Amino acid sequence: MKNRFLWLLILGMALFTACSDDDDDKKAVTYNGENLSLSLGDFVLSGKEAVLDGAVLTVKKALPGEAETVFAVTRAGDKIMGNNTNTNREVTLDGTISGDKLSLNLIAKMKSSMTAKWSVTSLVFNLDTDQESVDFLGSPMPIDDFKEFIGNIGQLLPVMLPQLTLKDDGNIIARYVTNIDELLTSGTPIYGDSPEGMALYNVVDNKLYIALNINGIIADATSPKQSNVGRAESVNPLLQLAAAANEGLPLLMRKTDDGVDIYVNKEMMLPVVKMLPSLLESFGEQLGEYKELATSMVTMIVDLIENSNETEIGLHLVPYVEEVPAPAVMVLPQSVEKFMQKFAE
C-alpha cells in the first residue's frame, strides 16, 4: 500500500509539473522596442507593441485609426502567419520569431470606396462665426471679404495639388508642384509624385485616417532642418504633432453629387490650432524676416477658429478621369495678387 501511495504521489507531481510547464508556454509574450520589427509594406512602423497570447497576436496601433489589430495566427517552426479582415480592408501577417525577437510584415489590401485615383478640384472651407471682421496683416478685413479671399486661395489648390491616389496597398501618392519658384516665375507648374512609404490611409467608422512617415518625409526633403532636438516630447509641440501623425490623423468624409469631401471640423482642429503659438515660439527664428508676418497670421487663425461656431477645412475630390489635360497655367485672383504684393513688401 505504501509503495502504491508513493507511486501515485510521484505521478501526481509529474503531472502537476507538466501542467505548470504548459501554463508557462501559454503565457502572453509582449514584444516592443528593439524586440519588435514591424512594417506595413514599405512603411516602417516604430514605437509599436505586439502581444502574442497562444494563437492570438494583437498588434497595437499598427494601422491608422485602429487601436489594435487582432490576428488568429498559425505557427510553423519560427514562422508565424495570420489574417484580419473587415469591410474596408484585409491585412495579411507574415513574421518570424527568433528568441525574444519578433519580426512582422503586414500586407494590406484596401477595399473601401476611397481606394481610387482622385482629382483635387477645390478647397473645402466653411466658416460660421459671429465675428464681423478679422485682423488681416494689421488691417481689419470684413469677414465676407476674408471668406472670399480664402475661396480665391482655394482656386490655386488644383494647380498646386491636382491629384491624390489612394492605392489598394494603403499608400497615398500625391501629385504636386515640385518647384514653387518656377511656378511663380513662369506660371507653368512642374509636377512630381510623392514616393511610396510616406503616407498611409485606412477607413474606420466613416473616417479616413492618414498616417505620415515623419522620418521618411524629413529624409526625403531636399534641405531638412532640425531644431530643439534636445527638448522632451512632452513639451515639444512638433514632436507631439509628429506622434499624432504617426498614429493616424482622422478626416471626416462627406459624399457629394460628384465626389467626396474629406475635411476636419473645429473640434478636430482645436488641438492642433492650440499648438500653433508654441510651434511659432519654438521655430519662429527660422522664418527670419517673415516671423512677424507668420505671428500675425497665426494669431488671426487661432482667434478665428477658437471663437467660431463651426469651421470646416479640407479637400473636395472627384473620381479621376484619364484624359490629356491642357497645360496648366497659374492665374492669380486679384485679391491673392494683392496679398502676394503685400507679402513681398
Protein backbone atom coordinates (compact mmCIF):
# COMPACT_ATOMS: atom_id res chain seq x y z
CA MET A 1 0.00 0.00 0.00
CA LYS A 2 2.82 2.37 0.86
CA ASN A 3 4.53 1.70 -2.46
CA ARG A 4 1.28 2.31 -4.32
CA PHE A 5 0.78 5.62 -2.48
CA LEU A 6 4.38 6.62 -3.26
CA TRP A 7 3.90 5.93 -6.97
CA LEU A 8 0.66 7.90 -7.01
CA LEU A 9 2.44 10.82 -5.32
CA ILE A 10 5.30 10.75 -7.83
CA LEU A 11 2.84 10.53 -10.75
CA GLY A 12 0.78 13.45 -9.39
CA MET A 13 3.89 15.61 -9.01
CA ALA A 14 4.96 14.77 -12.58
CA LEU A 15 1.53 15.69 -13.94
CA PHE A 16 1.49 18.91 -11.89
CA THR A 17 4.92 19.87 -13.23
CA ALA A 18 3.87 19.13 -16.80
CA CYS A 19 0.76 21.26 -16.38
CA SER A 20 2.87 24.07 -14.95
CA ASP A 21 5.20 23.88 -17.95
CA ASP A 22 2.22 24.05 -20.32
CA ASP A 23 0.91 27.11 -18.48
CA ASP A 24 4.32 28.73 -18.86
CA ASP A 25 4.20 28.08 -22.59
CA LYS A 26 0.78 29.71 -22.79
CA LYS A 27 1.78 32.91 -21.03
CA ALA A 28 1.33 36.03 -23.15
CA VAL A 29 4.57 37.47 -24.53
CA THR A 30 4.92 41.19 -25.19
CA TYR A 31 7.25 42.45 -27.92
CA ASN A 32 8.27 46.10 -28.16
CA GLY A 33 11.30 48.34 -28.52
CA GLU A 34 14.29 46.53 -30.03
CA ASN A 35 12.46 43.21 -29.71
CA LEU A 36 9.86 44.15 -32.32
CA SER A 37 10.45 44.87 -36.00
CA LEU A 38 7.21 45.92 -37.71
CA SER A 39 6.40 47.17 -41.19
CA LEU A 40 3.30 47.71 -43.29
CA GLY A 41 4.53 47.15 -46.81
CA ASP A 42 7.28 49.77 -47.33
CA PHE A 43 6.09 51.76 -44.31
CA VAL A 44 8.33 51.06 -41.28
CA LEU A 45 6.34 51.31 -38.05
CA SER A 46 8.33 52.27 -34.98
CA GLY A 47 7.39 52.55 -31.32
CA LYS A 48 4.67 49.88 -31.59
CA GLU A 49 3.81 46.87 -29.44
CA ALA A 50 2.63 43.33 -30.15
CA VAL A 51 1.30 40.74 -27.68
CA LEU A 52 1.33 37.03 -28.52
CA ASP A 53 -1.10 35.07 -26.36
CA GLY A 54 -1.30 31.47 -27.53
CA ALA A 55 -2.68 31.55 -31.06
CA VAL A 56 -3.75 35.20 -30.87
CA LEU A 57 -1.45 38.07 -31.84
CA THR A 58 -2.54 41.62 -31.01
CA VAL A 59 -0.64 44.40 -32.78
CA LYS A 60 -1.29 47.81 -31.25
CA LYS A 61 -1.71 50.97 -33.35
CA ALA A 62 -0.36 49.31 -36.48
CA LEU A 63 -2.99 50.58 -38.92
CA PRO A 64 -4.08 54.23 -38.97
CA GLY A 65 -7.17 54.70 -36.82
CA GLU A 66 -7.06 51.24 -35.20
CA ALA A 67 -6.13 50.96 -31.54
CA GLU A 68 -5.30 47.31 -32.10
CA THR A 69 -5.46 44.72 -34.85
CA VAL A 70 -6.03 41.14 -33.73
CA PHE A 71 -4.80 38.15 -35.73
CA ALA A 72 -5.59 34.47 -35.28
CA VAL A 73 -2.16 33.05 -36.09
CA THR A 74 -0.64 29.74 -37.06
CA ARG A 75 2.98 28.78 -36.49
CA ALA A 76 5.33 26.61 -38.50
CA GLY A 77 8.69 26.47 -36.75
CA ASP A 78 9.85 30.05 -36.30
CA LYS A 79 7.36 31.34 -38.88
CA ILE A 80 4.08 32.99 -37.89
CA MET A 81 1.13 33.77 -40.19
CA GLY A 82 -2.29 35.33 -39.79
CA ASN A 83 -5.09 37.36 -41.30
CA ASN A 84 -7.53 40.07 -40.21
CA THR A 85 -10.41 41.21 -42.42
CA ASN A 86 -13.21 43.74 -42.18
CA THR A 87 -15.45 45.61 -44.63
CA ASN A 88 -12.82 48.17 -45.60
CA ARG A 89 -9.61 46.17 -45.69
CA GLU A 90 -7.81 42.84 -45.42
CA VAL A 91 -4.46 42.53 -43.68
CA THR A 92 -2.16 39.53 -44.04
CA LEU A 93 0.57 38.95 -41.48
CA ASP A 94 3.88 37.23 -42.16
CA GLY A 95 6.50 37.08 -39.45
CA THR A 96 9.38 35.35 -37.73
CA ILE A 97 10.01 34.63 -34.06
CA SER A 98 13.67 34.40 -33.17
CA GLY A 99 14.32 34.00 -29.47
CA ASP A 100 12.83 37.03 -27.74
CA LYS A 101 12.53 38.98 -31.00
CA LEU A 102 9.53 39.25 -33.31
CA SER A 103 9.72 40.46 -36.90
CA LEU A 104 6.40 41.20 -38.61
CA ASN A 105 5.41 42.41 -42.06
CA LEU A 106 1.80 43.38 -42.69
CA ILE A 107 0.39 43.43 -46.21
CA ALA A 108 -2.80 45.48 -46.62
CA LYS A 109 -5.48 45.12 -49.28
CA MET A 110 -7.80 48.13 -49.08
CA LYS A 111 -11.40 47.61 -50.20
CA SER A 112 -13.19 50.87 -49.28
CA SER A 113 -14.76 53.26 -51.76
CA MET A 114 -11.86 55.65 -51.13
CA THR A 115 -9.42 53.26 -52.81
CA ALA A 116 -9.11 55.06 -56.13
CA LYS A 117 -7.39 57.83 -58.05
CA TRP A 118 -8.87 61.26 -57.27
CA SER A 119 -8.68 64.72 -58.79
CA VAL A 120 -8.47 67.57 -56.29
CA THR A 121 -10.90 70.17 -57.61
CA SER A 122 -11.31 72.70 -54.80
CA LEU A 123 -10.76 73.66 -51.19
CA VAL A 124 -13.46 72.90 -48.65
CA PHE A 125 -13.78 75.97 -46.41
CA ASN A 126 -16.90 76.59 -44.37
CA LEU A 127 -16.85 79.19 -41.60
CA ASP A 128 -19.71 80.04 -39.27
CA THR A 129 -18.75 82.91 -36.98
CA ASP A 130 -20.31 85.88 -35.23
CA GLN A 131 -17.21 87.98 -35.90
CA GLU A 132 -17.75 90.86 -38.30
CA SER A 133 -14.07 91.21 -39.28
CA VAL A 134 -10.60 89.74 -38.79
CA ASP A 135 -7.25 91.44 -38.23
CA PHE A 136 -5.58 90.61 -41.55
CA LEU A 137 -1.96 91.73 -41.78
CA GLY A 138 -2.57 94.63 -39.42
CA SER A 139 -5.77 95.86 -41.07
CA PRO A 140 -9.40 94.92 -40.38
CA MET A 141 -10.96 92.79 -43.13
CA PRO A 142 -14.73 92.18 -43.25
CA ILE A 143 -15.46 88.53 -42.62
CA ASP A 144 -17.21 88.11 -46.00
CA ASP A 145 -14.13 89.53 -47.76
CA PHE A 146 -11.95 87.10 -45.80
CA LYS A 147 -14.10 84.16 -46.87
CA GLU A 148 -13.84 85.32 -50.49
CA PHE A 149 -10.05 85.60 -50.13
CA ILE A 150 -9.76 82.05 -48.79
CA GLY A 151 -12.00 80.90 -51.65
CA ASN A 152 -9.63 82.53 -54.13
CA ILE A 153 -6.66 80.85 -52.45
CA GLY A 154 -8.58 77.59 -52.87
CA GLN A 155 -8.68 78.13 -56.63
CA LEU A 156 -4.92 77.55 -56.67
CA LEU A 157 -5.23 74.16 -54.97
CA PRO A 158 -6.00 72.12 -58.13
CA VAL A 159 -2.83 73.60 -59.66
CA MET A 160 -0.63 73.01 -56.61
CA LEU A 161 -2.03 69.56 -55.73
CA PRO A 162 -4.03 68.22 -58.68
CA GLN A 163 -4.20 64.53 -57.82
CA LEU A 164 -4.30 62.04 -54.95
CA THR A 165 -4.10 58.28 -55.43
CA LEU A 166 -5.21 56.04 -52.57
CA LYS A 167 -3.68 52.71 -53.59
CA ASP A 168 -5.03 49.33 -52.60
CA ASP A 169 -1.85 48.60 -50.61
CA GLY A 170 -2.60 51.54 -48.28
CA ASN A 171 -0.15 54.04 -49.79
CA ILE A 172 -1.17 57.60 -50.63
CA ILE A 173 0.56 59.08 -53.68
CA ALA A 174 0.24 62.84 -54.16
CA ARG A 175 0.95 64.67 -57.41
CA TYR A 176 2.21 68.12 -56.52
CA VAL A 177 4.17 71.11 -57.78
CA THR A 178 7.86 70.37 -57.23
CA ASN A 179 9.23 73.89 -57.71
CA ILE A 180 7.14 76.77 -56.41
CA ASP A 181 9.71 79.38 -57.51
CA GLU A 182 9.45 78.16 -61.09
CA LEU A 183 5.67 78.25 -60.84
CA LEU A 184 5.66 81.83 -59.58
CA THR A 185 8.13 82.87 -62.26
CA SER A 186 6.65 81.19 -65.34
CA GLY A 187 3.13 80.39 -64.22
CA THR A 188 3.58 76.85 -65.54
CA PRO A 189 3.76 74.06 -62.94
CA ILE A 190 6.22 71.17 -62.99
CA TYR A 191 4.78 68.11 -61.27
CA GLY A 192 6.20 65.14 -59.40
CA ASP A 193 4.76 62.26 -57.39
CA SER A 194 5.47 61.60 -53.74
CA PRO A 195 7.30 58.29 -53.13
CA GLU A 196 5.62 55.29 -51.55
CA GLY A 197 6.05 54.71 -47.83
CA MET A 198 5.40 58.37 -46.90
CA ALA A 199 1.68 58.29 -46.13
CA LEU A 200 -0.79 55.52 -45.32
CA TYR A 201 -4.57 55.54 -45.08
CA ASN A 202 -7.30 53.42 -43.56
CA VAL A 203 -11.07 53.86 -43.32
CA VAL A 204 -12.59 53.34 -39.86
CA ASP A 205 -16.16 54.26 -38.86
CA ASN A 206 -16.65 56.55 -41.87
CA LYS A 207 -13.44 58.44 -41.14
CA LEU A 208 -10.38 58.48 -43.36
CA TYR A 209 -7.30 58.10 -41.17
CA ILE A 210 -3.98 59.23 -42.61
CA ALA A 211 -0.64 58.36 -41.01
CA LEU A 212 2.52 60.18 -42.06
CA ASN A 213 6.01 58.71 -42.04
CA ILE A 214 7.60 61.80 -40.48
CA ASN A 215 11.15 60.40 -40.51
CA GLY A 216 10.80 59.39 -44.15
CA ILE A 217 9.38 62.75 -45.16
CA ILE A 218 12.25 64.59 -43.48
CA ALA A 219 14.82 62.27 -45.05
CA ASP A 220 13.22 62.80 -48.47
CA ALA A 221 13.24 66.59 -48.13
CA THR A 222 15.93 68.44 -50.06
CA SER A 223 17.09 70.51 -47.12
CA PRO A 224 15.84 69.11 -43.83
CA LYS A 225 16.15 71.35 -40.80
CA GLN A 226 16.35 70.21 -37.21
CA SER A 227 15.68 72.30 -34.16
CA ASN A 228 15.22 71.79 -30.45
CA VAL A 229 16.35 68.19 -30.77
CA GLY A 230 17.09 68.04 -27.07
CA ARG A 231 13.61 69.06 -25.95
CA ALA A 232 11.46 66.38 -24.36
CA GLU A 233 8.49 65.13 -26.36
CA SER A 234 6.17 66.16 -23.51
CA VAL A 235 6.96 69.83 -24.11
CA ASN A 236 7.85 69.84 -27.79
CA PRO A 237 4.67 70.56 -29.78
CA LEU A 238 6.27 69.48 -33.04
CA LEU A 239 7.07 66.03 -31.64
CA GLN A 240 3.57 65.80 -30.18
CA LEU A 241 2.13 66.56 -33.60
CA ALA A 242 4.53 64.11 -35.24
CA ALA A 243 3.46 61.38 -32.80
CA ALA A 244 -0.19 62.00 -33.66
CA ALA A 245 0.58 61.98 -37.38
CA ASN A 246 2.43 58.69 -36.98
CA GLU A 247 -0.60 57.02 -35.42
CA GLY A 248 -3.14 58.45 -37.86
CA LEU A 249 -4.91 61.78 -38.23
CA PRO A 250 -8.67 61.44 -38.84
CA LEU A 251 -10.58 63.15 -41.64
CA LEU A 252 -14.35 63.21 -41.92
CA MET A 253 -15.88 62.07 -45.21
CA ARG A 254 -18.98 63.56 -46.81
CA LYS A 255 -20.39 62.26 -50.09
CA THR A 256 -21.41 64.87 -52.66
CA ASP A 257 -23.18 64.65 -56.00
CA ASP A 258 -19.92 64.40 -57.93
CA GLY A 259 -17.42 63.05 -55.40
CA VAL A 260 -16.47 63.32 -51.73
CA ASP A 261 -15.28 65.95 -49.26
CA ILE A 262 -12.52 64.95 -46.85
CA TYR A 263 -12.21 67.52 -44.10
CA VAL A 264 -11.71 68.39 -40.43
CA ASN A 265 -14.09 70.38 -38.26
CA LYS A 266 -13.48 72.81 -35.42
CA GLU A 267 -13.42 70.11 -32.73
CA MET A 268 -10.78 68.16 -34.63
CA MET A 269 -8.68 71.25 -35.41
CA LEU A 270 -8.57 72.77 -31.92
CA PRO A 271 -5.77 70.53 -30.50
CA VAL A 272 -3.52 71.43 -33.46
CA VAL A 273 -4.59 75.08 -33.51
CA LYS A 274 -3.66 75.43 -29.85
CA MET A 275 -0.16 74.15 -30.68
CA LEU A 276 0.49 76.85 -33.30
CA PRO A 277 1.70 79.59 -30.90
CA SER A 278 4.11 77.14 -29.24
CA LEU A 279 5.35 75.93 -32.62
CA LEU A 280 5.92 79.50 -33.70
CA GLU A 281 7.78 80.23 -30.46
CA SER A 282 9.98 77.18 -30.95
CA PHE A 283 10.74 77.59 -34.66
CA GLY A 284 9.93 81.22 -35.42
CA GLU A 285 13.57 82.27 -35.63
CA GLN A 286 13.98 80.05 -38.69
CA LEU A 287 11.48 82.27 -40.51
CA GLY A 288 13.80 85.25 -40.28
CA GLU A 289 12.16 88.36 -41.71
CA TYR A 290 8.86 86.50 -42.14
CA LYS A 291 8.44 85.79 -38.42
CA GLU A 292 6.36 88.93 -37.84
CA LEU A 293 4.06 88.04 -40.74
CA ALA A 294 3.71 84.45 -39.50
CA THR A 295 2.96 85.67 -35.97
CA SER A 296 0.19 87.91 -37.27
CA MET A 297 -1.33 85.11 -39.36
CA VAL A 298 -1.14 82.56 -36.54
CA THR A 299 -2.76 84.95 -34.06
CA MET A 300 -5.58 85.62 -36.51
CA ILE A 301 -6.13 81.92 -37.32
CA VAL A 302 -6.14 80.80 -33.68
CA ASP A 303 -8.59 83.53 -32.65
CA LEU A 304 -10.87 82.92 -35.63
CA ILE A 305 -11.16 79.14 -35.21
CA GLU A 306 -11.38 79.12 -31.41
CA ASN A 307 -14.21 81.66 -31.43
CA SER A 308 -16.09 80.31 -34.43
CA ASN A 309 -19.36 78.43 -34.14
CA GLU A 310 -18.03 75.91 -36.67
CA THR A 311 -15.13 75.68 -39.09
CA GLU A 312 -14.52 73.06 -41.80
CA ILE A 313 -11.35 72.82 -43.86
CA GLY A 314 -10.47 70.09 -46.35
CA LEU A 315 -10.39 68.92 -49.97
CA HIS A 316 -13.11 68.22 -52.49
CA LEU A 317 -12.25 65.13 -54.53
CA VAL A 318 -13.86 63.75 -57.67
CA PRO A 319 -13.02 60.46 -59.43
CA TYR A 320 -10.08 60.90 -61.76
CA VAL A 321 -10.86 60.65 -65.47
CA GLU A 322 -7.99 59.65 -67.72
CA GLU A 323 -7.59 62.31 -70.37
CA VAL A 324 -4.96 64.51 -71.95
CA PRO A 325 -5.05 67.66 -69.81
CA ALA A 326 -4.49 71.14 -71.19
CA PRO A 327 -1.26 72.72 -69.97
CA ALA A 328 -1.96 74.21 -66.56
CA VAL A 329 -1.10 77.84 -66.04
CA MET A 330 -1.45 79.53 -62.69
CA VAL A 331 -3.54 82.69 -62.84
CA LEU A 332 -3.67 84.50 -59.52
CA PRO A 333 -7.01 86.01 -58.49
CA GLN A 334 -6.76 89.76 -57.88
CA SER A 335 -7.17 89.51 -54.12
CA VAL A 336 -4.41 86.89 -53.96
CA GLU A 337 -2.14 89.07 -56.10
CA LYS A 338 -2.65 91.93 -53.66
CA PHE A 339 -1.81 89.61 -50.78
CA MET A 340 1.35 88.40 -52.54
CA GLN A 341 2.38 92.01 -53.17
CA LYS A 342 1.80 92.90 -49.53
CA PHE A 343 3.66 89.75 -48.52
CA ALA A 344 6.62 90.82 -50.71
CA GLU A 345 6.61 94.31 -49.18
